[in-house]
All heavy atoms as atom14 arrays in JSON, in Angstrom:
{
  "sequence": "LVFVPKLITMRTNPDAATQNRRLKFTQNQKKEDSKTST",
  "atom14_mask": [
    [1, 1, 1, 1, 1, 1, 1, 1, 0, 0, 0, 0, 0, 0],
    [1, 1, 1, 1, 1, 1, 1, 0, 0, 0, 0, 0, 0, 0],
    [1, 1, 1, 1, 1, 1, 1, 1, 1, 1, 1, 0, 0, 0],
    [1, 1, 1, 1, 1, 1, 1, 0, 0, 0, 0, 0, 0, 0],
    [1, 1, 1, 1, 1, 1, 1, 0, 0, 0, 0, 0, 0, 0],
    [1, 1, 1, 1, 1, 1, 1, 1, 1, 0, 0, 0, 0, 0],
    [1, 1, 1, 1, 1, 1, 1, 1, 0, 0, 0, 0, 0, 0],
    [1, 1, 1, 1, 1, 1, 1, 1, 0, 0, 0, 0, 0, 0],
    [1, 1, 1, 1, 1, 1, 1, 0, 0, 0, 0, 0, 0, 0],
    [1, 1, 1, 1, 1, 1, 1, 1, 0, 0, 0, 0, 0, 0],
    [1, 1, 1, 1, 1, 1, 1, 1, 1, 1, 1, 0, 0, 0],
    [1, 1, 1, 1, 1, 1, 1, 0, 0, 0, 0, 0, 0, 0],
    [1, 1, 1, 1, 1, 1, 1, 1, 0, 0, 0, 0, 0, 0],
    [1, 1, 1, 1, 1, 1, 1, 0, 0, 0, 0, 0, 0, 0],
    [1, 1, 1, 1, 1, 1, 1, 1, 0, 0, 0, 0, 0, 0],
    [1, 1, 1, 1, 1, 0, 0, 0, 0, 0, 0, 0, 0, 0],
    [1, 1, 1, 1, 1, 0, 0, 0, 0, 0, 0, 0, 0, 0],
    [1, 1, 1, 1, 1, 1, 1, 0, 0, 0, 0, 0, 0, 0],
    [1, 1, 1, 1, 1, 1, 1, 1, 1, 0, 0, 0, 0, 0],
    [1, 1, 1, 1, 1, 1, 1, 1, 0, 0, 0, 0, 0, 0],
    [1, 1, 1, 1, 1, 1, 1, 1, 1, 1, 1, 0, 0, 0],
    [1, 1, 1, 1, 1, 1, 1, 1, 1, 1, 1, 0, 0, 0],
    [1, 1, 1, 1, 1, 1, 1, 1, 0, 0, 0, 0, 0, 0],
    [1, 1, 1, 1, 1, 1, 1, 1, 1, 0, 0, 0, 0, 0],
    [1, 1, 1, 1, 1, 1, 1, 1, 1, 1, 1, 0, 0, 0],
    [1, 1, 1, 1, 1, 1, 1, 0, 0, 0, 0, 0, 0, 0],
    [1, 1, 1, 1, 1, 1, 1, 1, 1, 0, 0, 0, 0, 0],
    [1, 1, 1, 1, 1, 1, 1, 1, 0, 0, 0, 0, 0, 0],
    [1, 1, 1, 1, 1, 1, 1, 1, 1, 0, 0, 0, 0, 0],
    [1, 1, 1, 1, 1, 1, 1, 1, 1, 0, 0, 0, 0, 0],
    [1, 1, 1, 1, 1, 1, 1, 1, 1, 0, 0, 0, 0, 0],
    [1, 1, 1, 1, 1, 1, 1, 1, 1, 0, 0, 0, 0, 0],
    [1, 1, 1, 1, 1, 1, 1, 1, 0, 0, 0, 0, 0, 0],
    [1, 1, 1, 1, 1, 1, 0, 0, 0, 0, 0, 0, 0, 0],
    [1, 1, 1, 1, 1, 1, 1, 1, 1, 0, 0, 0, 0, 0],
    [1, 1, 1, 1, 1, 1, 1, 0, 0, 0, 0, 0, 0, 0],
    [1, 1, 1, 1, 1, 1, 0, 0, 0, 0, 0, 0, 0, 0],
    [1, 1, 1, 1, 1, 1, 1, 0, 0, 0, 0, 0, 0, 0]
  ],
  "atom14_positions": [
    [[143.99, -105.62, -183.7], [142.91, -105.26, -184.62], [141.62, -104.92, -183.87], [140.85, -104.08, -184.31], [142.64, -106.41, -185.59], [143.62, -106.55, -186.75], [143.35, -107.84, -187.51], [143.53, -105.36, -187.68], [0.0, 0.0, 0.0], [0.0, 0.0, 0.0], [0.0, 0.0, 0.0], [0.0, 0.0, 0.0], [0.0, 0.0, 0.0], [0.0, 0.0, 0.0]],
    [[141.39, -105.56, -182.75], [140.15, -105.32, -182.03], [140.25, -104.09, -181.12], [139.33, -103.28, -181.06], [139.74, -106.57, -181.22], [138.56, -106.28, -180.31], [139.4, -107.7, -182.16], [0.0, 0.0, 0.0], [0.0, 0.0, 0.0], [0.0, 0.0, 0.0], [0.0, 0.0, 0.0], [0.0, 0.0, 0.0], [0.0, 0.0, 0.0], [0.0, 0.0, 0.0]],
    [[141.38, -103.91, -180.43], [141.44, -102.89, -179.4], [142.16, -101.6, -179.79], [141.85, -100.55, -179.24], [142.07, -103.46, -178.13], [141.21, -104.49, -177.48], [141.59, -105.82, -177.45], [140.01, -104.14, -176.9], [140.79, -106.77, -176.86], [139.2, -105.09, -176.31], [139.59, -106.41, -176.28], [0.0, 0.0, 0.0], [0.0, 0.0, 0.0], [0.0, 0.0, 0.0]],
    [[143.12, -101.63, -180.69], [143.88, -100.43, -181.01], [142.99, -99.33, -181.63], [143.13, -98.17, -181.25], [145.1, -100.76, -181.9], [145.73, -99.53, -182.49], [146.13, -101.52, -181.08], [0.0, 0.0, 0.0], [0.0, 0.0, 0.0], [0.0, 0.0, 0.0], [0.0, 0.0, 0.0], [0.0, 0.0, 0.0], [0.0, 0.0, 0.0], [0.0, 0.0, 0.0]],
    [[142.06, -99.63, -182.54], [141.2, -98.55, -183.05], [140.39, -97.86, -181.94], [140.2, -96.65, -181.98], [140.27, -99.25, -184.04], [141.02, -100.45, -184.47], [141.82, -100.88, -183.29], [0.0, 0.0, 0.0], [0.0, 0.0, 0.0], [0.0, 0.0, 0.0], [0.0, 0.0, 0.0], [0.0, 0.0, 0.0], [0.0, 0.0, 0.0], [0.0, 0.0, 0.0]],
    [[139.94, -98.61, -180.96], [139.21, -98.0, -179.85], [140.12, -97.11, -179.03], [139.73, -96.02, -178.61], [138.61, -99.09, -178.97], [137.52, -99.85, -179.64], [136.98, -100.93, -178.75], [135.94, -101.73, -179.51], [135.29, -102.7, -178.71], [0.0, 0.0, 0.0], [0.0, 0.0, 0.0], [0.0, 0.0, 0.0], [0.0, 0.0, 0.0], [0.0, 0.0, 0.0]],
    [[141.34, -97.59, -178.77], [142.28, -96.78, -178.0], [142.65, -95.51, -178.75], [142.78, -94.44, -178.14], [143.54, -97.6, -177.68], [143.34, -98.77, -176.72], [144.62, -99.57, -176.6], [142.9, -98.27, -175.37], [0.0, 0.0, 0.0], [0.0, 0.0, 0.0], [0.0, 0.0, 0.0], [0.0, 0.0, 0.0], [0.0, 0.0, 0.0], [0.0, 0.0, 0.0]],
    [[142.82, -95.6, -180.05], [143.15, -94.42, -180.85], [142.01, -93.41, -180.8], [142.22, -92.2, -180.64], [143.5, -94.82, -182.3], [144.84, -95.55, -182.33], [143.53, -93.6, -183.22], [145.17, -96.16, -183.67], [0.0, 0.0, 0.0], [0.0, 0.0, 0.0], [0.0, 0.0, 0.0], [0.0, 0.0, 0.0], [0.0, 0.0, 0.0], [0.0, 0.0, 0.0]],
    [[140.79, -93.9, -180.92], [139.63, -93.01, -180.86], [139.53, -92.33, -179.49], [139.3, -91.12, -179.41], [138.34, -93.79, -181.13], [138.45, -94.41, -182.4], [137.13, -92.88, -181.12], [0.0, 0.0, 0.0], [0.0, 0.0, 0.0], [0.0, 0.0, 0.0], [0.0, 0.0, 0.0], [0.0, 0.0, 0.0], [0.0, 0.0, 0.0], [0.0, 0.0, 0.0]],
    [[139.74, -93.09, -178.45], [139.67, -92.51, -177.11], [140.83, -91.57, -176.85], [140.68, -90.6, -176.11], [139.65, -93.62, -176.05], [138.37, -94.43, -176.04], [136.9, -93.45, -175.73], [137.17, -92.96, -174.05], [0.0, 0.0, 0.0], [0.0, 0.0, 0.0], [0.0, 0.0, 0.0], [0.0, 0.0, 0.0], [0.0, 0.0, 0.0], [0.0, 0.0, 0.0]],
    [[141.97, -91.84, -177.45], [143.16, -90.99, -177.25], [143.03, -89.67, -178.0], [143.37, -88.62, -177.46], [144.4, -91.75, -177.7], [145.67, -90.98, -177.6], [146.11, -90.92, -176.21], [147.33, -91.67, -176.09], [148.08, -91.57, -175.04], [147.74, -90.78, -174.07], [149.16, -92.28, -174.94], [0.0, 0.0, 0.0], [0.0, 0.0, 0.0], [0.0, 0.0, 0.0]],
    [[142.57, -89.72, -179.24], [142.51, -88.5, -180.05], [141.41, -87.55, -179.6], [141.61, -86.35, -179.55], [142.32, -88.84, -181.54], [141.14, -89.63, -181.69], [143.52, -89.57, -182.09], [0.0, 0.0, 0.0], [0.0, 0.0, 0.0], [0.0, 0.0, 0.0], [0.0, 0.0, 0.0], [0.0, 0.0, 0.0], [0.0, 0.0, 0.0], [0.0, 0.0, 0.0]],
    [[140.23, -88.1, -179.3], [139.12, -87.23, -178.94], [138.16, -87.97, -178.01], [137.14, -88.49, -178.45], [138.4, -86.77, -180.21], [137.56, -85.55, -179.96], [137.44, -85.08, -178.83], [136.95, -85.05, -181.01], [0.0, 0.0, 0.0], [0.0, 0.0, 0.0], [0.0, 0.0, 0.0], [0.0, 0.0, 0.0], [0.0, 0.0, 0.0], [0.0, 0.0, 0.0]],
    [[138.48, -88.04, -176.72], [137.66, -88.84, -175.82], [136.24, -88.31, -175.66], [135.29, -89.08, -175.56], [138.42, -88.8, -174.49], [139.33, -87.64, -174.59], [139.59, -87.41, -176.05], [0.0, 0.0, 0.0], [0.0, 0.0, 0.0], [0.0, 0.0, 0.0], [0.0, 0.0, 0.0], [0.0, 0.0, 0.0], [0.0, 0.0, 0.0], [0.0, 0.0, 0.0]],
    [[136.07, -86.99, -175.65], [134.72, -86.44, -175.48], [133.85, -86.72, -176.69], [132.68, -87.07, -176.56], [134.79, -84.94, -175.24], [135.46, -84.62, -173.91], [135.39, -85.47, -173.01], [136.08, -83.54, -173.8], [0.0, 0.0, 0.0], [0.0, 0.0, 0.0], [0.0, 0.0, 0.0], [0.0, 0.0, 0.0], [0.0, 0.0, 0.0], [0.0, 0.0, 0.0]],
    [[134.41, -86.58, -177.89], [133.63, -86.82, -179.1], [133.26, -88.29, -179.23], [132.17, -88.62, -179.7], [134.41, -86.36, -180.32], [0.0, 0.0, 0.0], [0.0, 0.0, 0.0], [0.0, 0.0, 0.0], [0.0, 0.0, 0.0], [0.0, 0.0, 0.0], [0.0, 0.0, 0.0], [0.0, 0.0, 0.0], [0.0, 0.0, 0.0], [0.0, 0.0, 0.0]],
    [[134.16, -89.17, -178.82], [133.88, -90.61, -178.92], [132.69, -90.99, -178.06], [131.78, -91.68, -178.5], [135.11, -91.42, -178.53], [0.0, 0.0, 0.0], [0.0, 0.0, 0.0], [0.0, 0.0, 0.0], [0.0, 0.0, 0.0], [0.0, 0.0, 0.0], [0.0, 0.0, 0.0], [0.0, 0.0, 0.0], [0.0, 0.0, 0.0], [0.0, 0.0, 0.0]],
    [[132.66, -90.52, -176.82], [131.53, -90.85, -175.96], [130.28, -90.08, -176.36], [129.19, -90.59, -176.27], [131.88, -90.57, -174.49], [132.27, -89.2, -174.37], [132.98, -91.47, -174.01], [0.0, 0.0, 0.0], [0.0, 0.0, 0.0], [0.0, 0.0, 0.0], [0.0, 0.0, 0.0], [0.0, 0.0, 0.0], [0.0, 0.0, 0.0], [0.0, 0.0, 0.0]],
    [[130.46, -88.85, -176.83], [129.31, -88.04, -177.24], [128.63, -88.65, -178.47], [127.42, -88.68, -178.54], [129.76, -86.61, -177.54], [128.64, -85.62, -177.63], [127.99, -85.38, -176.27], [128.4, -85.92, -175.26], [126.96, -84.58, -176.27], [0.0, 0.0, 0.0], [0.0, 0.0, 0.0], [0.0, 0.0, 0.0], [0.0, 0.0, 0.0], [0.0, 0.0, 0.0]],
    [[129.42, -89.1, -179.45], [128.85, -89.71, -180.65], [128.04, -90.94, -180.3], [126.99, -91.19, -180.87], [129.94, -90.09, -181.65], [130.51, -88.87, -182.34], [129.87, -87.82, -182.38], [131.7, -89.0, -182.89], [0.0, 0.0, 0.0], [0.0, 0.0, 0.0], [0.0, 0.0, 0.0], [0.0, 0.0, 0.0], [0.0, 0.0, 0.0], [0.0, 0.0, 0.0]],
    [[128.53, -91.73, -179.38], [127.8, -92.93, -178.98], [126.46, -92.55, -178.39], [125.43, -93.11, -178.72], [128.6, -93.73, -177.95], [129.65, -94.59, -178.57], [130.27, -95.46, -177.53], [131.7, -95.24, -177.62], [132.52, -95.22, -176.61], [132.09, -95.43, -175.41], [133.8, -95.01, -176.78], [0.0, 0.0, 0.0], [0.0, 0.0, 0.0], [0.0, 0.0, 0.0]],
    [[126.48, -91.58, -177.49], [125.24, -91.17, -176.85], [124.28, -90.55, -177.86], [123.1, -90.8, -177.84], [125.53, -90.18, -175.73], [126.22, -90.81, -174.56], [126.45, -89.81, -173.47], [127.3, -90.37, -172.45], [128.22, -89.71, -171.8], [128.42, -88.44, -172.06], [128.94, -90.29, -170.88], [0.0, 0.0, 0.0], [0.0, 0.0, 0.0], [0.0, 0.0, 0.0]],
    [[124.81, -89.7, -178.73], [123.98, -89.03, -179.71], [123.32, -90.01, -180.65], [122.12, -89.95, -180.87], [124.83, -88.02, -180.5], [124.1, -87.22, -181.58], [123.05, -86.34, -180.93], [125.08, -86.4, -182.37], [0.0, 0.0, 0.0], [0.0, 0.0, 0.0], [0.0, 0.0, 0.0], [0.0, 0.0, 0.0], [0.0, 0.0, 0.0], [0.0, 0.0, 0.0]],
    [[124.09, -90.95, -181.19], [123.52, -91.92, -182.12], [122.5, -92.81, -181.42], [121.49, -93.17, -181.98], [124.62, -92.76, -182.77], [125.4, -91.98, -183.79], [126.34, -92.85, -184.54], [127.07, -92.02, -185.59], [127.92, -92.81, -186.42], [0.0, 0.0, 0.0], [0.0, 0.0, 0.0], [0.0, 0.0, 0.0], [0.0, 0.0, 0.0], [0.0, 0.0, 0.0]],
    [[122.8, -93.16, -180.17], [121.86, -94.01, -179.43], [120.55, -93.27, -179.21], [119.48, -93.82, -179.42], [122.48, -94.44, -178.1], [121.58, -95.31, -177.29], [121.35, -96.62, -177.67], [120.96, -94.83, -176.16], [120.52, -97.43, -176.93], [120.12, -95.62, -175.42], [119.9, -96.93, -175.8], [0.0, 0.0, 0.0], [0.0, 0.0, 0.0], [0.0, 0.0, 0.0]],
    [[120.62, -92.0, -178.81], [119.39, -91.26, -178.57], [118.65, -90.99, -179.86], [117.43, -91.01, -179.89], [119.68, -89.94, -177.83], [120.63, -89.19, -178.59], [120.2, -90.19, -176.44], [0.0, 0.0, 0.0], [0.0, 0.0, 0.0], [0.0, 0.0, 0.0], [0.0, 0.0, 0.0], [0.0, 0.0, 0.0], [0.0, 0.0, 0.0], [0.0, 0.0, 0.0]],
    [[119.39, -90.75, -180.96], [118.72, -90.53, -182.24], [117.98, -91.79, -182.68], [116.84, -91.72, -183.12], [119.73, -90.12, -183.31], [120.22, -88.7, -183.16], [121.31, -88.38, -184.16], [121.88, -89.27, -184.78], [121.63, -87.1, -184.28], [0.0, 0.0, 0.0], [0.0, 0.0, 0.0], [0.0, 0.0, 0.0], [0.0, 0.0, 0.0], [0.0, 0.0, 0.0]],
    [[118.63, -92.93, -182.56], [117.98, -94.19, -182.94], [116.8, -94.48, -182.02], [115.79, -94.99, -182.45], [118.98, -95.34, -182.91], [119.97, -95.25, -184.03], [119.72, -94.59, -185.03], [121.11, -95.88, -183.86], [0.0, 0.0, 0.0], [0.0, 0.0, 0.0], [0.0, 0.0, 0.0], [0.0, 0.0, 0.0], [0.0, 0.0, 0.0], [0.0, 0.0, 0.0]],
    [[116.95, -94.14, -180.75], [115.87, -94.36, -179.8], [114.67, -93.48, -180.16], [113.54, -93.9, -180.08], [116.35, -94.07, -178.37], [115.45, -94.6, -177.3], [115.41, -96.11, -177.3], [116.34, -96.78, -177.72], [114.3, -96.66, -176.85], [0.0, 0.0, 0.0], [0.0, 0.0, 0.0], [0.0, 0.0, 0.0], [0.0, 0.0, 0.0], [0.0, 0.0, 0.0]],
    [[114.95, -92.23, -180.58], [113.86, -91.33, -180.98], [113.15, -91.85, -182.22], [111.93, -91.75, -182.33], [114.4, -89.92, -181.23], [114.75, -89.18, -179.96], [115.31, -87.82, -180.26], [115.76, -87.12, -178.99], [116.39, -85.83, -179.27], [0.0, 0.0, 0.0], [0.0, 0.0, 0.0], [0.0, 0.0, 0.0], [0.0, 0.0, 0.0], [0.0, 0.0, 0.0]],
    [[113.91, -92.41, -183.17], [113.29, -92.98, -184.36], [112.36, -94.12, -183.99], [111.25, -94.22, -184.49], [114.36, -93.48, -185.35], [115.12, -92.38, -186.04], [116.18, -92.97, -186.94], [117.06, -91.89, -187.53], [118.16, -92.45, -188.32], [0.0, 0.0, 0.0], [0.0, 0.0, 0.0], [0.0, 0.0, 0.0], [0.0, 0.0, 0.0], [0.0, 0.0, 0.0]],
    [[112.84, -94.99, -183.09], [112.0, -96.11, -182.67], [110.8, -95.61, -181.88], [109.7, -96.14, -182.01], [112.82, -97.09, -181.82], [113.87, -97.84, -182.61], [114.75, -98.69, -181.71], [114.45, -98.82, -180.51], [115.74, -99.22, -182.22], [0.0, 0.0, 0.0], [0.0, 0.0, 0.0], [0.0, 0.0, 0.0], [0.0, 0.0, 0.0], [0.0, 0.0, 0.0]],
    [[111.01, -94.57, -181.07], [109.91, -94.03, -180.29], [108.85, -93.39, -181.18], [107.67, -93.47, -180.9], [110.42, -93.0, -179.28], [111.17, -93.64, -178.13], [111.07, -94.88, -178.0], [111.87, -92.92, -177.4], [0.0, 0.0, 0.0], [0.0, 0.0, 0.0], [0.0, 0.0, 0.0], [0.0, 0.0, 0.0], [0.0, 0.0, 0.0], [0.0, 0.0, 0.0]],
    [[109.27, -92.74, -182.27], [108.3, -92.11, -183.16], [107.44, -93.15, -183.86], [106.29, -92.9, -184.17], [109.01, -91.22, -184.19], [109.77, -92.02, -185.07], [0.0, 0.0, 0.0], [0.0, 0.0, 0.0], [0.0, 0.0, 0.0], [0.0, 0.0, 0.0], [0.0, 0.0, 0.0], [0.0, 0.0, 0.0], [0.0, 0.0, 0.0], [0.0, 0.0, 0.0]],
    [[108.0, -94.34, -184.1], [107.23, -95.41, -184.74], [106.13, -95.91, -183.82], [105.03, -96.25, -184.26], [108.14, -96.58, -185.12], [109.12, -96.25, -186.22], [110.03, -97.43, -186.48], [111.12, -97.08, -187.47], [112.09, -98.15, -187.63], [0.0, 0.0, 0.0], [0.0, 0.0, 0.0], [0.0, 0.0, 0.0], [0.0, 0.0, 0.0], [0.0, 0.0, 0.0]],
    [[106.44, -95.98, -182.53], [105.47, -96.53, -181.59], [104.87, -95.45, -180.7], [104.35, -95.75, -179.64], [106.16, -97.6, -180.72], [107.25, -96.98, -180.03], [106.66, -98.75, -181.56], [0.0, 0.0, 0.0], [0.0, 0.0, 0.0], [0.0, 0.0, 0.0], [0.0, 0.0, 0.0], [0.0, 0.0, 0.0], [0.0, 0.0, 0.0], [0.0, 0.0, 0.0]],
    [[104.95, -94.2, -181.11], [104.51, -93.11, -180.22], [103.02, -93.15, -179.96], [102.58, -92.82, -178.86], [104.93, -91.76, -180.8], [104.27, -91.56, -182.04], [0.0, 0.0, 0.0], [0.0, 0.0, 0.0], [0.0, 0.0, 0.0], [0.0, 0.0, 0.0], [0.0, 0.0, 0.0], [0.0, 0.0, 0.0], [0.0, 0.0, 0.0], [0.0, 0.0, 0.0]],
    [[102.22, -93.53, -180.94], [100.77, -93.52, -180.73], [100.37, -94.57, -179.69], [99.57, -94.29, -178.8], [100.03, -93.78, -182.05], [100.5, -95.01, -182.61], [100.27, -92.66, -183.04], [0.0, 0.0, 0.0], [0.0, 0.0, 0.0], [0.0, 0.0, 0.0], [0.0, 0.0, 0.0], [0.0, 0.0, 0.0], [0.0, 0.0, 0.0], [0.0, 0.0, 0.0]]
  ]
}
């Protein structure tokens, strides 16, 4: 239950899995940065 979904995600589309993580992280970071930008 813990590891098979991750393996399936990495097996089906490894580039999209890592890209989504980076994209969401940077988007959330930009939201936090806009709050404290001043």
